[in-house]
């Protein structure tokens, strides 16, 4: 059996690899005699190949984990592995896991082997989490640590902590230890995480609402040049417009409200309230509601495969007047 674990999110892929090893040990190898981990980038070809075909010791199955083999520049070794996987010349008693976390080497055999591994029956890719998937993952990680978190704090954390799960994992450890006997709130996160409200993103939304197409597209493209993923960019727009809509709704019902009072009412950071209240005051609630609904429509069309998300975002920006 061949298993391929890969993807840019090396934290989750590492955790998944650990789970597979632990499950195997519990079910097949409680003594730990038949689990071998080999560095495919540094280990000699002879050992890698011999470990793959070695028979189990006092057991029915054996697990061989080969890490970062696609980063190797050993053409002969890679070609041999390609041939063995293609012709299924791996003992049935052996489970071979190829885990890849580093960049591929430049030899063509590495790309060829990657393409072959991706086609295998047991392949698991770990792409970076964004949007609702990131929120769900963070919430579960906190719950797994025996903790809980307020919704506003959860959204703020995911909005400002970035996409690095290694950093997030460390941060969640600190927060869980700090709030061992209580729910994590917005004020708790602010003790550990510096605010990262993006002025360019705020200005982009301001330009979109005001119908300043030239500036809106300029700032939109700037976000993309900085490497912002379309799903993350869309999530940012939805989050920003939802905040503006909530503020506008309060102002419509209660009249003028100080930003600090708004922040408490909505459970958002005071700085976020202060930045967005200016937009909410300048435009009718009806207009903001219509734009927010259009964003929700874009979300549905994207998830149902009706159109490309980046195209829909561009059409949305260009149609606001």
C-alpha atoms as a PDB file:
ATOM      1  CA  UNK A   1       0.000   0.000   0.000  1.00  0.00           C
ATOM      2  CA  UNK A   2       1.243   3.470  -0.926  1.00  0.00           C
ATOM      3  CA  UNK A   3       0.018   6.621   0.857  1.00  0.00           C
ATOM      4  CA  UNK A   4       0.932  10.149  -0.248  1.00  0.00           C
ATOM      5  CA  UNK A   5       0.562  13.049   2.197  1.00  0.00           C
ATOM      6  CA  UNK A   6       1.389  16.520   0.866  1.00  0.00           C
ATOM      7  CA  UNK A   7       0.347  20.180   0.739  1.00  0.00           C
ATOM      8  CA  UNK A   8       1.422  23.648   1.813  1.00  0.00           C
ATOM      9  CA  UNK A   9      -0.138  23.263   5.268  1.00  0.00           C
ATOM     10  CA  UNK A  10       2.678  21.226   6.783  1.00  0.00           C
ATOM     11  CA  UNK A  11       1.323  21.573  10.316  1.00  0.00           C
ATOM     12  CA  UNK A  12      -1.890  19.703   9.581  1.00  0.00           C
ATOM     13  CA  UNK A  13      -0.151  17.219   7.308  1.00  0.00           C
ATOM     14  CA  UNK A  14       2.357  16.454  10.099  1.00  0.00           C
ATOM     15  CA  UNK A  15      -0.496  15.960  12.551  1.00  0.00           C
ATOM     16  CA  UNK A  16      -2.218  13.634  10.086  1.00  0.00           C
ATOM     17  CA  UNK A  17       1.005  11.657   9.641  1.00  0.00           C
ATOM     18  CA  UNK A  18       1.337  11.265  13.421  1.00  0.00           C
ATOM     19  CA  UNK A  19      -2.251  10.009  13.570  1.00  0.00           C
ATOM     20  CA  UNK A  20      -1.566   7.371  10.919  1.00  0.00           C
ATOM     21  CA  UNK A  21       1.563   6.176  12.716  1.00  0.00           C
ATOM     22  CA  UNK A  22      -0.222   6.001  16.078  1.00  0.00           C
ATOM     23  CA  UNK A  23      -3.183   4.117  14.609  1.00  0.00           C
ATOM     24  CA  UNK A  24      -0.812   1.634  12.980  1.00  0.00           C
ATOM     25  CA  UNK A  25       1.106   1.066  16.219  1.00  0.00           C
ATOM     26  CA  UNK A  26      -2.072   0.491  18.208  1.00  0.00           C
ATOM     27  CA  UNK A  27      -3.550  -1.900  15.660  1.00  0.00           C
ATOM     28  CA  UNK A  28      -0.457  -3.632  14.280  1.00  0.00           C
ATOM     29  CA  UNK A  29       2.722  -2.780  16.141  1.00  0.00           C
ATOM     30  CA  UNK A  30       2.325  -2.017  19.876  1.00  0.00           C
ATOM     31  CA  UNK A  31       6.022  -2.772  20.492  1.00  0.00           C
ATOM     32  CA  UNK A  32       7.149  -0.277  17.842  1.00  0.00           C
ATOM     33  CA  UNK A  33       9.373  -2.746  15.988  1.00  0.00           C
ATOM     34  CA  UNK A  34       7.815  -2.215  12.557  1.00  0.00           C
ATOM     35  CA  UNK A  35       7.581   1.534  12.083  1.00  0.00           C
ATOM     36  CA  UNK A  36      10.523   3.181  10.335  1.00  0.00           C
ATOM     37  CA  UNK A  37      10.923   6.865   9.401  1.00  0.00           C
ATOM     38  CA  UNK A  38      13.514   7.717   6.739  1.00  0.00           C
ATOM     39  CA  UNK A  39      14.602  11.149   5.481  1.00  0.00           C
ATOM     40  CA  UNK A  40      14.250  10.795   1.719  1.00  0.00           C
ATOM     41  CA  UNK A  41      16.180  13.992   1.068  1.00  0.00           C
ATOM     42  CA  UNK A  42      19.289  12.967   3.026  1.00  0.00           C
ATOM     43  CA  UNK A  43      19.316   9.169   3.378  1.00  0.00           C
ATOM     44  CA  UNK A  44      21.234   6.986   0.913  1.00  0.00           C
ATOM     45  CA  UNK A  45      19.277   5.285  -1.838  1.00  0.00           C
ATOM     46  CA  UNK A  46      20.330   1.820  -0.704  1.00  0.00           C
ATOM     47  CA  UNK A  47      18.755   2.167   2.706  1.00  0.00           C
ATOM     48  CA  UNK A  48      15.540   3.705   1.388  1.00  0.00           C
ATOM     49  CA  UNK A  49      15.016   0.880  -1.073  1.00  0.00           C
ATOM     50  CA  UNK A  50      15.932  -1.840   1.411  1.00  0.00           C
ATOM     51  CA  UNK A  51      13.533  -0.474   4.047  1.00  0.00           C
ATOM     52  CA  UNK A  52      10.712  -0.506   1.504  1.00  0.00           C
ATOM     53  CA  UNK A  53      11.058  -4.241   0.863  1.00  0.00           C
ATOM     54  CA  UNK A  54      12.128  -5.456   4.323  1.00  0.00           C
ATOM     55  CA  UNK A  55       9.662  -7.909   5.856  1.00  0.00           C
ATOM     56  CA  UNK A  56       7.834  -7.256   9.150  1.00  0.00           C
ATOM     57  CA  UNK A  57       9.451  -8.427  12.388  1.00  0.00           C
ATOM     58  CA  UNK A  58       7.124 -10.654  14.446  1.00  0.00           C
ATOM     59  CA  UNK A  59       4.087  -8.975  12.895  1.00  0.00           C
ATOM     60  CA  UNK A  60       1.869  -9.085   9.833  1.00  0.00           C
ATOM     61  CA  UNK A  61       2.420  -5.503   8.659  1.00  0.00           C
ATOM     62  CA  UNK A  62       5.208  -2.939   8.487  1.00  0.00           C
ATOM     63  CA  UNK A  63       5.052   0.857   8.005  1.00  0.00           C
ATOM     64  CA  UNK A  64       7.798   2.812   6.258  1.00  0.00           C
ATOM     65  CA  UNK A  65       7.559   6.621   6.275  1.00  0.00           C
ATOM     66  CA  UNK A  66       9.751   8.371   3.709  1.00  0.00           C
ATOM     67  CA  UNK A  67       9.861  12.141   4.133  1.00  0.00           C
ATOM     68  CA  UNK A  68      10.600  14.728   1.422  1.00  0.00           C
ATOM     69  CA  UNK A  69      11.660  12.238  -1.216  1.00  0.00           C
ATOM     70  CA  UNK A  70      10.512  14.671  -3.912  1.00  0.00           C
ATOM     71  CA  UNK A  71      13.185  17.105  -2.721  1.00  0.00           C
ATOM     72  CA  UNK A  72      15.908  14.614  -3.621  1.00  0.00           C
ATOM     73  CA  UNK A  73      18.008  15.208  -6.734  1.00  0.00           C
ATOM     74  CA  UNK A  74      18.952  11.519  -7.040  1.00  0.00           C
ATOM     75  CA  UNK A  75      17.517  10.767 -10.476  1.00  0.00           C
ATOM     76  CA  UNK A  76      18.250   7.041 -10.323  1.00  0.00           C
ATOM     77  CA  UNK A  77      16.546   6.646  -6.951  1.00  0.00           C
ATOM     78  CA  UNK A  78      13.477   8.604  -8.056  1.00  0.00           C
ATOM     79  CA  UNK A  79      13.207   6.596 -11.274  1.00  0.00           C
ATOM     80  CA  UNK A  80      13.497   3.353  -9.317  1.00  0.00           C
ATOM     81  CA  UNK A  81      10.701   4.476  -7.011  1.00  0.00           C
ATOM     82  CA  UNK A  82       8.561   5.456  -9.995  1.00  0.00           C
ATOM     83  CA  UNK A  83       9.044   1.995 -11.504  1.00  0.00           C
ATOM     84  CA  UNK A  84       8.274   0.213  -8.233  1.00  0.00           C
ATOM     85  CA  UNK A  85       5.076   2.149  -7.616  1.00  0.00           C
ATOM     86  CA  UNK A  86       3.934   1.726 -11.224  1.00  0.00           C
ATOM     87  CA  UNK A  87       4.545  -2.024 -11.233  1.00  0.00           C
ATOM     88  CA  UNK A  88       3.387  -2.448  -7.630  1.00  0.00           C
ATOM     89  CA  UNK A  89       6.714  -4.008  -6.600  1.00  0.00           C
ATOM     90  CA  UNK A  90       6.202  -3.289  -2.919  1.00  0.00           C
ATOM     91  CA  UNK A  91       5.426  -6.198  -0.554  1.00  0.00           C
ATOM     92  CA  UNK A  92       1.738  -6.426   0.371  1.00  0.00           C
ATOM     93  CA  UNK A  93       2.770  -6.549   4.015  1.00  0.00           C
ATOM     94  CA  UNK A  94       4.280  -3.057   3.827  1.00  0.00           C
ATOM     95  CA  UNK A  95       2.565   0.322   4.118  1.00  0.00           C
ATOM     96  CA  UNK A  96       4.755   2.986   2.524  1.00  0.00           C
ATOM     97  CA  UNK A  97       3.909   6.595   3.340  1.00  0.00           C
ATOM     98  CA  UNK A  98       5.516   9.366   1.302  1.00  0.00           C
ATOM     99  CA  UNK A  99       5.235  12.630   3.255  1.00  0.00           C
ATOM    100  CA  UNK A 100       6.229  15.812   1.408  1.00  0.00           C
ATOM    101  CA  UNK A 101       6.685  19.151   3.138  1.00  0.00           C
ATOM    102  CA  UNK A 102       9.608  20.756   1.298  1.00  0.00           C
ATOM    103  CA  UNK A 103       9.798  22.190  -2.225  1.00  0.00           C
ATOM    104  CA  UNK A 104      10.425  19.813  -5.103  1.00  0.00           C
ATOM    105  CA  UNK A 105      13.872  19.385  -6.591  1.00  0.00           C
ATOM    106  CA  UNK A 106      14.394  20.591 -10.155  1.00  0.00           C
ATOM    107  CA  UNK A 107      14.981  17.165 -11.723  1.00  0.00           C
ATOM    108  CA  UNK A 108      12.156  16.005 -13.979  1.00  0.00           C
ATOM    109  CA  UNK A 109      11.855  12.695 -12.145  1.00  0.00           C
ATOM    110  CA  UNK A 110      10.640  14.542  -9.052  1.00  0.00           C
ATOM    111  CA  UNK A 111       7.694  16.066 -10.937  1.00  0.00           C
ATOM    112  CA  UNK A 112       6.965  12.750 -12.620  1.00  0.00           C
ATOM    113  CA  UNK A 113       6.962  10.926  -9.285  1.00  0.00           C
ATOM    114  CA  UNK A 114       4.741  13.582  -7.720  1.00  0.00           C
ATOM    115  CA  UNK A 115       2.202  13.228 -10.546  1.00  0.00           C
ATOM    116  CA  UNK A 116       2.217   9.460 -10.043  1.00  0.00           C
ATOM    117  CA  UNK A 117       1.747   9.694  -6.276  1.00  0.00           C
ATOM    118  CA  UNK A 118      -1.146  12.144  -6.616  1.00  0.00           C
ATOM    119  CA  UNK A 119      -2.978   9.520  -8.708  1.00  0.00           C
ATOM    120  CA  UNK A 120      -2.668   6.872  -6.007  1.00  0.00           C
ATOM    121  CA  UNK A 121      -5.793   5.691  -4.215  1.00  0.00           C
ATOM    122  CA  UNK A 122      -4.641   6.934  -0.815  1.00  0.00           C
ATOM    123  CA  UNK A 123      -3.607  10.534  -1.341  1.00  0.00           C
ATOM    124  CA  UNK A 124      -4.253  13.362   1.112  1.00  0.00           C
ATOM    125  CA  UNK A 125      -3.526  17.017   0.313  1.00  0.00           C
ATOM    126  CA  UNK A 126      -3.453  19.710   2.992  1.00  0.00           C
ATOM    127  CA  UNK A 127      -4.029  23.126   1.436  1.00  0.00           C
ATOM    128  CA  UNK A 128      -3.916  26.267   3.621  1.00  0.00           C
ATOM    129  CA  UNK A 129      -7.177  26.907   5.437  1.00  0.00           C
ATOM    130  CA  UNK A 130      -9.108  30.119   4.765  1.00  0.00           C
ATOM    131  CA  UNK A 131     -12.506  31.594   5.547  1.00  0.00           C
ATOM    132  CA  UNK A 132     -15.052  29.384   7.319  1.00  0.00           C
ATOM    133  CA  UNK A 133     -12.731  26.369   7.209  1.00  0.00           C
ATOM    134  CA  UNK A 134     -10.079  28.268   9.141  1.00  0.00           C
ATOM    135  CA  UNK A 135     -12.657  29.429  11.674  1.00  0.00           C
ATOM    136  CA  UNK A 136     -13.951  25.876  12.131  1.00  0.00           C
ATOM    137  CA  UNK A 137     -10.421  24.505  12.558  1.00  0.00           C
ATOM    138  CA  UNK A 138      -9.445  27.107  15.161  1.00  0.00           C
ATOM    139  CA  UNK A 139     -12.681  26.514  17.086  1.00  0.00           C
ATOM    140  CA  UNK A 140     -12.105  22.749  17.109  1.00  0.00           C
ATOM    141  CA  UNK A 141      -8.472  23.153  18.198  1.00  0.00           C
ATOM    142  CA  UNK A 142      -9.596  25.262  21.158  1.00  0.00           C
ATOM    143  CA  UNK A 143     -12.304  22.752  22.080  1.00  0.00           C
ATOM    144  CA  UNK A 144      -9.810  19.881  21.817  1.00  0.00           C
ATOM    145  CA  UNK A 145      -7.726  21.709  24.422  1.00  0.00           C
ATOM    146  CA  UNK A 146     -10.771  21.770  26.689  1.00  0.00           C
ATOM    147  CA  UNK A 147     -11.512  25.451  26.114  1.00  0.00           C
ATOM    148  CA  UNK A 148     -14.114  27.681  24.500  1.00  0.00           C
ATOM    149  CA  UNK A 149     -14.090  31.030  22.709  1.00  0.00           C
ATOM    150  CA  UNK A 150     -16.574  33.830  22.087  1.00  0.00           C
ATOM    151  CA  UNK A 151     -17.692  34.270  18.463  1.00  0.00           C
ATOM    152  CA  UNK A 152     -16.347  37.834  18.183  1.00  0.00           C
ATOM    153  CA  UNK A 153     -13.001  36.711  19.596  1.00  0.00           C
ATOM    154  CA  UNK A 154     -12.877  33.767  17.192  1.00  0.00           C
ATOM    155  CA  UNK A 155     -13.533  35.958  14.159  1.00  0.00           C
ATOM    156  CA  UNK A 156     -11.009  38.551  15.291  1.00  0.00           C
ATOM    157  CA  UNK A 157      -8.367  35.871  15.862  1.00  0.00           C
ATOM    158  CA  UNK A 158      -8.842  34.352  12.400  1.00  0.00           C
ATOM    159  CA  UNK A 159      -8.899  37.784  10.781  1.00  0.00           C
ATOM    160  CA  UNK A 160      -5.665  38.997  12.367  1.00  0.00           C
ATOM    161  CA  UNK A 161      -3.491  35.961  13.067  1.00  0.00           C
ATOM    162  CA  UNK A 162      -2.735  35.112   9.431  1.00  0.00           C
ATOM    163  CA  UNK A 163      -2.668  31.680   7.781  1.00  0.00           C
ATOM    164  CA  UNK A 164       0.332  30.097   9.505  1.00  0.00           C
ATOM    165  CA  UNK A 165      -1.036  27.081  11.459  1.00  0.00           C
ATOM    166  CA  UNK A 166       2.299  26.625  13.272  1.00  0.00           C
ATOM    167  CA  UNK A 167       1.954  30.134  14.712  1.00  0.00           C
ATOM    168  CA  UNK A 168      -1.747  29.614  15.395  1.00  0.00           C
ATOM    169  CA  UNK A 169      -1.062  26.356  17.224  1.00  0.00           C
ATOM    170  CA  UNK A 170       1.446  28.077  19.505  1.00  0.00           C
ATOM    171  CA  UNK A 171      -0.932  30.983  20.048  1.00  0.00           C
ATOM    172  CA  UNK A 172      -3.823  28.668  20.909  1.00  0.00           C
ATOM    173  CA  UNK A 173      -1.652  26.840  23.438  1.00  0.00           C
ATOM    174  CA  UNK A 174      -0.930  30.160  25.154  1.00  0.00           C
ATOM    175  CA  UNK A 175      -4.558  31.301  25.098  1.00  0.00           C
ATOM    176  CA  UNK A 176      -5.851  27.959  26.391  1.00  0.00           C
ATOM    177  CA  UNK A 177      -3.350  27.969  29.247  1.00  0.00           C
ATOM    178  CA  UNK A 178      -4.168  31.593  30.064  1.00  0.00           C
ATOM    179  CA  UNK A 179      -7.952  30.948  30.119  1.00  0.00           C
ATOM    180  CA  UNK A 180      -7.814  27.458  31.593  1.00  0.00           C
ATOM    181  CA  UNK A 181     -11.022  27.979  33.581  1.00  0.00           C
ATOM    182  CA  UNK A 182     -12.951  30.349  31.352  1.00  0.00           C
ATOM    183  CA  UNK A 183     -14.034  31.331  27.840  1.00  0.00           C
ATOM    184  CA  UNK A 184     -11.537  33.140  25.642  1.00  0.00           C
ATOM    185  CA  UNK A 185     -12.743  36.671  24.915  1.00  0.00           C
ATOM    186  CA  UNK A 186     -11.634  39.496  22.666  1.00  0.00           C
ATOM    187  CA  UNK A 187      -9.660  41.191  25.449  1.00  0.00           C
ATOM    188  CA  UNK A 188      -7.708  37.966  26.058  1.00  0.00           C
ATOM    189  CA  UNK A 189      -6.627  37.702  22.430  1.00  0.00           C
ATOM    190  CA  UNK A 190      -5.490  41.320  22.388  1.00  0.00           C
ATOM    191  CA  UNK A 191      -2.971  40.454  25.125  1.00  0.00           C
ATOM    192  CA  UNK A 192      -1.244  37.966  22.824  1.00  0.00           C
ATOM    193  CA  UNK A 193      -1.926  39.243  19.314  1.00  0.00           C
ATOM    194  CA  UNK A 194      -1.058  42.611  17.876  1.00  0.00           C
ATOM    195  CA  UNK A 195      -3.763  44.191  15.777  1.00  0.00           C
ATOM    196  CA  UNK A 196      -3.286  43.805  12.035  1.00  0.00           C
ATOM    197  CA  UNK A 197      -6.162  45.765  10.554  1.00  0.00           C
ATOM    198  CA  UNK A 198      -5.207  46.411   6.951  1.00  0.00           C
ATOM    199  CA  UNK A 199      -5.773  50.040   5.974  1.00  0.00           C
ATOM    200  CA  UNK A 200      -5.566  49.106   2.289  1.00  0.00           C
ATOM    201  CA  UNK A 201      -8.388  46.592   2.753  1.00  0.00           C
ATOM    202  CA  UNK A 202     -10.484  49.187   4.584  1.00  0.00           C
ATOM    203  CA  UNK A 203      -9.808  51.787   1.895  1.00  0.00           C
ATOM    204  CA  UNK A 204     -10.683  49.240  -0.780  1.00  0.00           C
ATOM    205  CA  UNK A 205     -14.090  48.591   0.779  1.00  0.00           C
ATOM    206  CA  UNK A 206     -14.626  52.339   1.208  1.00  0.00           C
ATOM    207  CA  UNK A 207     -13.862  52.844  -2.495  1.00  0.00           C
ATOM    208  CA  UNK A 208     -16.225  50.015  -3.476  1.00  0.00           C
ATOM    209  CA  UNK A 209     -19.134  51.420  -1.440  1.00  0.00           C
ATOM    210  CA  UNK A 210     -18.579  54.930  -2.796  1.00  0.00           C
ATOM    211  CA  UNK A 211     -18.471  53.686  -6.392  1.00  0.00           C
ATOM    212  CA  UNK A 212     -14.891  54.856  -6.965  1.00  0.00           C
ATOM    213  CA  UNK A 213     -14.125  52.093  -9.459  1.00  0.00           C
ATOM    214  CA  UNK A 214     -10.633  53.276 -10.380  1.00  0.00           C
ATOM    215  CA  UNK A 215      -9.375  53.304  -6.802  1.00  0.00           C
ATOM    216  CA  UNK A 216     -11.288  50.147  -5.866  1.00  0.00           C
ATOM    217  CA  UNK A 217      -9.713  48.121  -8.689  1.00  0.00           C
ATOM    218  CA  UNK A 218      -6.280  49.563  -7.919  1.00  0.00           C
ATOM    219  CA  UNK A 219      -6.483  48.483  -4.276  1.00  0.00           C
ATOM    220  CA  UNK A 220      -8.017  45.142  -5.258  1.00  0.00           C
ATOM    221  CA  UNK A 221      -5.115  44.366  -7.578  1.00  0.00           C
ATOM    222  CA  UNK A 222      -2.670  45.462  -4.880  1.00  0.00           C
ATOM    223  CA  UNK A 223      -4.133  42.853  -2.541  1.00  0.00           C
ATOM    224  CA  UNK A 224      -3.722  40.210  -5.242  1.00  0.00           C
ATOM    225  CA  UNK A 225      -0.116  41.242  -5.997  1.00  0.00           C
ATOM    226  CA  UNK A 226       0.654  40.779  -2.320  1.00  0.00           C
ATOM    227  CA  UNK A 227      -0.359  37.152  -2.705  1.00  0.00           C
ATOM    228  CA  UNK A 228      -3.818  37.363  -1.147  1.00  0.00           C
ATOM    229  CA  UNK A 229      -5.873  34.329  -2.193  1.00  0.00           C
ATOM    230  CA  UNK A 230      -9.236  34.987  -3.842  1.00  0.00           C
ATOM    231  CA  UNK A 231     -11.105  33.043  -1.149  1.00  0.00           C
ATOM    232  CA  UNK A 232      -9.353  35.009   1.587  1.00  0.00           C
ATOM    233  CA  UNK A 233      -9.981  38.282  -0.267  1.00  0.00           C
ATOM    234  CA  UNK A 234     -13.655  37.449  -0.666  1.00  0.00           C
ATOM    235  CA  UNK A 235     -13.900  36.476   3.002  1.00  0.00           C
ATOM    236  CA  UNK A 236     -12.354  39.818   3.902  1.00  0.00           C
ATOM    237  CA  UNK A 237     -14.980  41.661   1.840  1.00  0.00           C
ATOM    238  CA  UNK A 238     -17.835  39.695   3.401  1.00  0.00           C
ATOM    239  CA  UNK A 239     -16.497  40.262   6.915  1.00  0.00           C
ATOM    240  CA  UNK A 240     -16.007  44.003   6.325  1.00  0.00           C
ATOM    241  CA  UNK A 241     -19.429  44.493   4.748  1.00  0.00           C
ATOM    242  CA  UNK A 242     -21.121  42.511   7.526  1.00  0.00           C
ATOM    243  CA  UNK A 243     -19.530  44.780  10.127  1.00  0.00           C
ATOM    244  CA  UNK A 244     -20.651  47.879   8.206  1.00  0.00           C
ATOM    245  CA  UNK A 245     -24.170  46.452   7.871  1.00  0.00           C
ATOM    246  CA  UNK A 246     -24.402  45.713  11.602  1.00  0.00           C
ATOM    247  CA  UNK A 247     -23.181  49.231  12.445  1.00  0.00           C
ATOM    248  CA  UNK A 248     -25.577  50.820   9.952  1.00  0.00           C
ATOM    249  CA  UNK A 249     -28.472  48.837  11.411  1.00  0.00           C
ATOM    250  CA  UNK A 250     -27.704  50.056  14.954  1.00  0.00           C
ATOM    251  CA  UNK A 251     -27.383  53.659  13.736  1.00  0.00           C
ATOM    252  CA  UNK A 252     -30.699  53.361  11.854  1.00  0.00           C
ATOM    253  CA  UNK A 253     -32.513  52.159  14.988  1.00  0.00           C
ATOM    254  CA  UNK A 254     -30.751  54.168  17.691  1.00  0.00           C
ATOM    255  CA  UNK A 255     -29.346  57.229  15.981  1.00  0.00           C
ATOM    256  CA  UNK A 256     -25.838  58.479  16.764  1.00  0.00           C
ATOM    257  CA  UNK A 257     -23.892  56.008  18.915  1.00  0.00           C
ATOM    258  CA  UNK A 258     -20.244  56.426  20.074  1.00  0.00           C
ATOM    259  CA  UNK A 259     -17.792  53.949  18.518  1.00  0.00           C
ATOM    260  CA  UNK A 260     -16.831  52.410  21.878  1.00  0.00           C
ATOM    261  CA  UNK A 261     -20.493  51.729  22.670  1.00  0.00           C
ATOM    262  CA  UNK A 262     -20.976  50.215  19.215  1.00  0.00           C
ATOM    263  CA  UNK A 263     -17.952  47.981  19.755  1.00  0.00           C
ATOM    264  CA  UNK A 264     -19.457  46.572  22.958  1.00  0.00           C
ATOM    265  CA  UNK A 265     -22.887  46.127  21.404  1.00  0.00           C
ATOM    266  CA  UNK A 266     -21.532  44.212  18.399  1.00  0.00           C
ATOM    267  CA  UNK A 267     -18.671  42.434  20.153  1.00  0.00           C
ATOM    268  CA  UNK A 268     -16.006  43.848  17.836  1.00  0.00           C
ATOM    269  CA  UNK A 269     -12.710  45.617  18.408  1.00  0.00           C
ATOM    270  CA  UNK A 270     -13.084  49.390  19.136  1.00  0.00           C
ATOM    271  CA  UNK A 271     -10.650  50.225  16.329  1.00  0.00           C
ATOM    272  CA  UNK A 272     -12.727  48.222  13.838  1.00  0.00           C
ATOM    273  CA  UNK A 273     -15.887  50.014  14.968  1.00  0.00           C
ATOM    274  CA  UNK A 274     -14.237  53.423  14.717  1.00  0.00           C
ATOM    275  CA  UNK A 275     -12.907  52.750  11.196  1.00  0.00           C
ATOM    276  CA  UNK A 276     -16.192  51.411   9.800  1.00  0.00           C
ATOM    277  CA  UNK A 277     -18.658  53.776  11.445  1.00  0.00           C
ATOM    278  CA  UNK A 278     -17.602  56.496   9.007  1.00  0.00           C
ATOM    279  CA  UNK A 279     -18.713  54.371   6.041  1.00  0.00           C
ATOM    280  CA  UNK A 280     -21.935  53.282   7.704  1.00  0.00           C
ATOM    281  CA  UNK A 281     -22.905  56.907   8.358  1.00  0.00           C
ATOM    282  CA  UNK A 282     -22.324  58.029   4.752  1.00  0.00           C
ATOM    283  CA  UNK A 283     -24.590  55.582   2.943  1.00  0.00           C
ATOM    284  CA  UNK A 284     -28.224  54.427   3.257  1.00  0.00           C
ATOM    285  CA  UNK A 285     -28.808  51.149   5.077  1.00  0.00           C
ATOM    286  CA  UNK A 286     -30.689  49.856   2.023  1.00  0.00           C
ATOM    287  CA  UNK A 287     -27.615  50.251  -0.193  1.00  0.00           C
ATOM    288  CA  UNK A 288     -25.358  48.406   2.235  1.00  0.00           C
ATOM    289  CA  UNK A 289     -27.939  45.600   2.595  1.00  0.00           C
ATOM    290  CA  UNK A 290     -28.106  45.198  -1.193  1.00  0.00           C
ATOM    291  CA  UNK A 291     -24.308  44.971  -1.501  1.00  0.00           C
ATOM    292  CA  UNK A 292     -24.058  42.460   1.316  1.00  0.00           C
ATOM    293  CA  UNK A 293     -26.765  40.304  -0.282  1.00  0.00           C
ATOM    294  CA  UNK A 294     -24.896  40.396  -3.591  1.00  0.00           C
ATOM    295  CA  UNK A 295     -21.795  39.110  -1.830  1.00  0.00           C
ATOM    296  CA  UNK A 296     -23.816  36.226  -0.413  1.00  0.00           C
ATOM    297  CA  UNK A 297     -25.051  35.482  -3.939  1.00  0.00           C
ATOM    298  CA  UNK A 298     -21.433  35.408  -5.135  1.00  0.00           C
ATOM    299  CA  UNK A 299     -20.642  32.911  -2.391  1.00  0.00           C
ATOM    300  CA  UNK A 300     -23.434  30.611  -3.577  1.00  0.00           C
ATOM    301  CA  UNK A 301     -22.408  30.846  -7.238  1.00  0.00           C
ATOM    302  CA  UNK A 302     -18.772  30.133  -6.360  1.00  0.00           C
ATOM    303  CA  UNK A 303     -19.578  27.096  -4.226  1.00  0.00           C
ATOM    304  CA  UNK A 304     -21.941  25.692  -6.866  1.00  0.00           C
ATOM    305  CA  UNK A 305     -19.367  26.166  -9.630  1.00  0.00           C
ATOM    306  CA  UNK A 306     -21.433  28.645 -11.634  1.00  0.00           C
ATOM    307  CA  UNK A 307     -18.591  31.125 -12.143  1.00  0.00           C
ATOM    308  CA  UNK A 308     -15.003  31.982 -11.207  1.00  0.00           C
ATOM    309  CA  UNK A 309     -14.749  33.803  -7.881  1.00  0.00           C
ATOM    310  CA  UNK A 310     -12.228  36.415  -9.059  1.00  0.00           C
ATOM    311  CA  UNK A 311     -14.456  37.293 -12.024  1.00  0.00           C
ATOM    312  CA  UNK A 312     -17.499  37.653  -9.789  1.00  0.00           C
ATOM    313  CA  UNK A 313     -15.572  39.923  -7.411  1.00  0.00           C
ATOM    314  CA  UNK A 314     -14.467  42.127 -10.314  1.00  0.00           C
ATOM    315  CA  UNK A 315     -18.049  42.330 -11.643  1.00  0.00           C
ATOM    316  CA  UNK A 316     -19.281  43.224  -8.173  1.00  0.00           C
ATOM    317  CA  UNK A 317     -16.746  46.037  -7.773  1.00  0.00           C
ATOM    318  CA  UNK A 318     -17.440  47.414 -11.229  1.00  0.00           C
ATOM    319  CA  UNK A 319     -21.205  47.468 -10.850  1.00  0.00           C
ATOM    320  CA  UNK A 320     -21.446  49.567  -7.671  1.00  0.00           C
ATOM    321  CA  UNK A 321     -22.524  53.147  -8.312  1.00  0.00           C
END
